[in-house]
């Protein structure tokens, strides 16, 4: 039987609403919603009584939100992207506070299998001359960060497998040596599409993931929320899925 959770929602945008809808359908309890600074002041007591906080906000707000959850001894699951440069400090604080952080650039189970396919393909082509990798990602026009956290994860895994790449960059600025190009599109009514392509003079190889709606992201976040119960430390989807 699935564990029934008392959930705090931090952030009440598109993903917050999707998670709330799924929580109610699964008979979980959304005990508190925190969506602005006044909520942090007035609703801390409710947060403290939650089993887990699920956080989808902005890159600027996420680190402080995570730290506040550590202070309240509430495990936090975050899908906010664009703040990974602060992860080392957050991880140290998590250890000091004996807290629990589960972070993912994408909670979709399908996307995380896509990550594994990307790793496999990158390793296979790393020593083959002539295949130039690139990434194309498309999301809804309200998405604040570009490229997406998912695209950055894909890019970093490709770069780690190849000696000829040092970093990733905007495809619109031209393909410089040592740079993996990422092209980002922000369009109406696009949940999320990622394409990894390798082009040579004779052919192209592509792998692609397309999200049809946000329920896959919400489902993965719920799985993570239940999985972190009674855990301490910093975790990702690879830990939960045993990759």
Protein backbone atom coordinates (compact mmCIF):
# COMPACT_ATOMS: atom_id res chain seq x y z
CA UNK A 1 0.00 0.00 0.00
CA UNK A 2 1.32 3.42 -0.96
CA UNK A 3 2.43 5.57 1.97
CA UNK A 4 0.03 8.44 2.64
CA UNK A 5 1.99 11.67 2.90
CA UNK A 6 1.45 15.05 4.51
CA UNK A 7 2.97 17.34 1.90
CA UNK A 8 4.15 20.93 1.84
CA UNK A 9 4.07 22.51 -1.60
CA UNK A 10 6.69 25.23 -2.03
CA UNK A 11 5.83 27.10 -5.19
CA UNK A 12 2.37 27.15 -6.72
CA UNK A 13 2.97 27.53 -10.43
CA UNK A 14 2.22 24.99 -13.15
CA UNK A 15 4.07 22.18 -11.42
CA UNK A 16 2.68 23.09 -8.00
CA UNK A 17 -0.85 22.84 -9.34
CA UNK A 18 -0.09 19.55 -11.12
CA UNK A 19 1.36 18.07 -7.93
CA UNK A 20 -1.61 19.24 -5.86
CA UNK A 21 -4.04 17.61 -8.30
CA UNK A 22 -2.14 14.33 -8.22
CA UNK A 23 -1.77 14.46 -4.43
CA UNK A 24 -5.52 14.72 -3.95
CA UNK A 25 -6.13 11.92 -6.46
CA UNK A 26 -3.73 9.68 -4.53
CA UNK A 27 -5.36 10.57 -1.18
CA UNK A 28 -2.29 12.41 0.10
CA UNK A 29 -2.76 15.55 2.17
CA UNK A 30 -1.43 18.92 1.05
CA UNK A 31 -1.02 20.40 4.50
CA UNK A 32 0.44 23.75 3.45
CA UNK A 33 1.23 25.77 0.33
CA UNK A 34 4.07 28.29 0.51
CA UNK A 35 4.22 30.66 -2.42
CA UNK A 36 5.61 33.95 -1.08
CA UNK A 37 7.60 35.42 1.79
CA UNK A 38 4.57 36.12 3.98
CA UNK A 39 3.67 32.42 3.78
CA UNK A 40 7.11 31.54 5.19
CA UNK A 41 6.38 33.77 8.16
CA UNK A 42 2.82 32.63 8.82
CA UNK A 43 2.89 28.94 7.88
CA UNK A 44 6.08 27.53 9.42
CA UNK A 45 4.13 25.58 12.05
CA UNK A 46 2.21 23.79 9.29
CA UNK A 47 5.44 23.07 7.40
CA UNK A 48 6.98 21.50 10.51
CA UNK A 49 4.14 18.95 10.62
CA UNK A 50 4.74 17.76 7.05
CA UNK A 51 6.45 14.52 6.03
CA UNK A 52 8.12 16.12 3.02
CA UNK A 53 8.29 19.39 1.09
CA UNK A 54 8.09 19.39 -2.70
CA UNK A 55 9.74 22.51 -4.12
CA UNK A 56 9.28 23.93 -7.64
CA UNK A 57 10.08 27.65 -7.66
CA UNK A 58 12.82 29.73 -9.30
CA UNK A 59 16.63 29.42 -9.41
CA UNK A 60 16.91 32.52 -7.23
CA UNK A 61 14.52 31.25 -4.53
CA UNK A 62 15.35 27.54 -4.41
CA UNK A 63 18.56 27.60 -2.29
CA UNK A 64 16.93 29.64 0.49
CA UNK A 65 13.81 27.46 0.38
CA UNK A 66 15.91 24.31 0.72
CA UNK A 67 17.84 25.77 3.66
CA UNK A 68 14.60 26.67 5.43
CA UNK A 69 13.40 23.08 5.06
CA UNK A 70 16.67 21.87 6.61
CA UNK A 71 16.06 24.27 9.52
CA UNK A 72 12.58 22.78 10.03
CA UNK A 73 13.92 19.19 9.76
CA UNK A 74 11.67 18.50 6.78
CA UNK A 75 13.02 16.44 3.85
CA UNK A 76 12.86 18.43 0.63
CA UNK A 77 12.36 17.23 -2.93
CA UNK A 78 13.19 19.91 -5.47
CA UNK A 79 12.79 20.03 -9.23
CA UNK A 80 13.86 23.64 -9.60
CA UNK A 81 16.75 23.99 -12.04
CA UNK A 82 19.32 26.71 -12.66
CA UNK A 83 20.87 26.75 -9.16
CA UNK A 84 23.27 23.77 -9.47
CA UNK A 85 26.30 26.05 -8.98
CA UNK A 86 25.19 26.33 -5.33
CA UNK A 87 24.80 22.57 -4.83
CA UNK A 88 28.20 21.95 -3.15
CA UNK A 89 27.40 24.44 -0.38
CA UNK A 90 23.86 23.15 -0.02
CA UNK A 91 25.15 19.57 0.20
CA UNK A 92 27.58 20.52 2.97
CA UNK A 93 24.79 22.23 4.88
CA UNK A 94 22.56 19.19 4.41
CA UNK A 95 25.25 17.02 6.00
CA UNK A 96 25.75 19.47 8.88
CA UNK A 97 22.00 19.67 9.56
CA UNK A 98 21.53 15.90 9.09
CA UNK A 99 18.90 16.83 6.54
CA UNK A 100 17.61 15.23 3.37
CA UNK A 101 17.66 16.71 -0.13
CA UNK A 102 16.45 14.98 -3.26
CA UNK A 103 17.16 17.04 -6.38
CA UNK A 104 16.55 16.29 -10.04
CA UNK A 105 16.76 18.27 -13.26
CA UNK A 106 13.79 16.18 -14.41
CA UNK A 107 11.56 13.85 -12.38
CA UNK A 108 10.11 12.02 -15.36
CA UNK A 109 10.94 8.31 -15.19
CA UNK A 110 11.13 8.28 -18.99
CA UNK A 111 13.59 11.16 -19.06
CA UNK A 112 15.84 9.39 -16.57
CA UNK A 113 15.95 6.35 -18.84
CA UNK A 114 16.71 8.84 -21.62
CA UNK A 115 19.66 10.09 -19.55
CA UNK A 116 20.97 6.54 -19.40
CA UNK A 117 20.56 6.11 -23.18
CA UNK A 118 22.40 9.39 -23.66
CA UNK A 119 25.28 8.15 -21.50
CA UNK A 120 25.44 4.90 -23.42
CA UNK A 121 25.39 6.59 -26.84
CA UNK A 122 27.98 9.18 -25.77
CA UNK A 123 30.33 6.42 -24.67
CA UNK A 124 29.84 4.46 -27.89
CA UNK A 125 30.57 7.45 -30.14
CA UNK A 126 33.31 9.05 -28.04
CA UNK A 127 36.08 7.37 -30.00
CA UNK A 128 34.45 7.59 -33.43
CA UNK A 129 35.73 10.48 -35.51
CA UNK A 130 33.37 12.69 -37.47
CA UNK A 131 30.25 12.63 -35.27
CA UNK A 132 29.48 16.08 -33.84
CA UNK A 133 26.95 16.16 -30.98
CA UNK A 134 24.31 18.85 -30.46
CA UNK A 135 21.23 19.28 -28.30
CA UNK A 136 17.87 20.89 -29.10
CA UNK A 137 15.29 21.53 -26.38
CA UNK A 138 11.81 23.08 -26.47
CA UNK A 139 9.61 24.15 -23.54
CA UNK A 140 6.60 26.31 -22.76
CA UNK A 141 7.11 30.05 -22.99
CA UNK A 142 6.74 30.52 -19.21
CA UNK A 143 9.84 28.45 -18.43
CA UNK A 144 12.32 30.85 -16.85
CA UNK A 145 15.66 29.15 -17.50
CA UNK A 146 17.30 28.35 -20.82
CA UNK A 147 18.77 25.96 -21.59
CA UNK A 148 16.72 23.61 -19.46
CA UNK A 149 18.27 21.75 -16.56
CA UNK A 150 17.56 18.53 -18.45
CA UNK A 151 19.51 19.78 -21.47
CA UNK A 152 22.43 20.78 -19.23
CA UNK A 153 22.45 17.31 -17.63
CA UNK A 154 22.50 15.71 -21.09
CA UNK A 155 25.29 18.05 -22.19
CA UNK A 156 27.46 17.48 -19.13
CA UNK A 157 27.21 13.72 -19.54
CA UNK A 158 28.26 13.97 -23.21
CA UNK A 159 31.16 16.28 -22.33
CA UNK A 160 32.35 13.86 -19.64
CA UNK A 161 32.59 11.10 -22.25
CA UNK A 162 34.55 13.08 -24.86
CA UNK A 163 38.05 14.54 -24.87
CA UNK A 164 37.23 17.03 -27.64
CA UNK A 165 34.58 18.93 -25.64
CA UNK A 166 35.18 21.29 -22.73
CA UNK A 167 31.85 23.02 -22.18
CA UNK A 168 28.41 23.68 -23.66
CA UNK A 169 27.15 26.91 -25.19
CA UNK A 170 24.33 28.62 -27.05
CA UNK A 171 24.00 27.17 -30.54
CA UNK A 172 22.98 30.62 -31.79
CA UNK A 173 26.50 31.90 -31.15
CA UNK A 174 28.07 29.43 -33.56
CA UNK A 175 29.87 26.16 -33.04
CA UNK A 176 33.21 26.99 -31.45
CA UNK A 177 35.85 24.26 -31.01
CA UNK A 178 35.41 22.37 -27.78
CA UNK A 179 31.84 23.63 -27.26
CA UNK A 180 28.73 21.44 -27.35
CA UNK A 181 25.93 23.55 -28.88
CA UNK A 182 22.50 23.69 -27.23
CA UNK A 183 19.57 25.31 -29.06
CA UNK A 184 16.63 26.37 -26.86
CA UNK A 185 13.10 27.22 -27.98
CA UNK A 186 10.33 28.68 -25.81
CA UNK A 187 6.93 28.07 -27.39
CA UNK A 188 3.28 28.07 -26.32
CA UNK A 189 1.82 24.77 -25.12
CA UNK A 190 5.04 22.73 -25.26
CA UNK A 191 5.55 20.64 -22.13
CA UNK A 192 9.11 19.59 -22.91
CA UNK A 193 11.06 18.02 -25.79
CA UNK A 194 14.76 17.11 -25.86
CA UNK A 195 16.74 15.88 -28.84
CA UNK A 196 20.34 14.70 -28.75
CA UNK A 197 21.80 14.46 -32.25
CA UNK A 198 25.14 13.38 -33.69
CA UNK A 199 25.84 14.66 -37.19
CA UNK A 200 28.50 13.43 -39.58
CA UNK A 201 29.11 14.11 -43.26
CA UNK A 202 27.31 10.91 -44.19
CA UNK A 203 24.48 10.53 -41.66
CA UNK A 204 22.89 11.64 -38.40
CA UNK A 205 21.90 9.75 -35.26
CA UNK A 206 19.18 11.11 -32.95
CA UNK A 207 17.55 10.14 -29.68
CA UNK A 208 14.49 12.08 -28.51
CA UNK A 209 12.21 12.39 -25.51
CA UNK A 210 8.86 14.20 -25.66
CA UNK A 211 6.71 14.86 -22.58
CA UNK A 212 2.99 14.90 -23.41
CA UNK A 213 1.93 16.52 -20.12
CA UNK A 214 3.22 17.29 -16.62
CA UNK A 215 1.80 14.21 -14.92
CA UNK A 216 5.04 12.27 -15.50
CA UNK A 217 7.02 14.94 -13.65
CA UNK A 218 4.50 14.98 -10.79
CA UNK A 219 4.50 11.18 -10.58
CA UNK A 220 8.28 11.08 -10.30
CA UNK A 221 8.25 13.78 -7.63
CA UNK A 222 5.76 11.72 -5.60
CA UNK A 223 7.89 8.61 -5.90
CA UNK A 224 10.86 10.64 -4.64
CA UNK A 225 8.78 12.13 -1.80
CA UNK A 226 7.89 8.68 -0.53
CA UNK A 227 11.41 7.31 -1.10
CA UNK A 228 13.16 9.96 1.04
CA UNK A 229 11.26 9.01 4.21
CA UNK A 230 13.70 8.31 7.05
CA UNK A 231 16.75 9.11 4.88
CA UNK A 232 19.58 11.55 5.43
CA UNK A 233 21.82 12.93 2.73
CA UNK A 234 21.68 14.18 -0.84
CA UNK A 235 20.03 12.01 -3.47
CA UNK A 236 19.08 12.01 -7.15
CA UNK A 237 16.93 9.93 -9.47
CA UNK A 238 19.90 7.63 -10.10
CA UNK A 239 19.82 6.63 -6.44
CA UNK A 240 16.09 5.97 -6.44
CA UNK A 241 16.06 4.11 -9.76
CA UNK A 242 19.21 2.12 -8.91
CA UNK A 243 21.09 3.15 -12.06
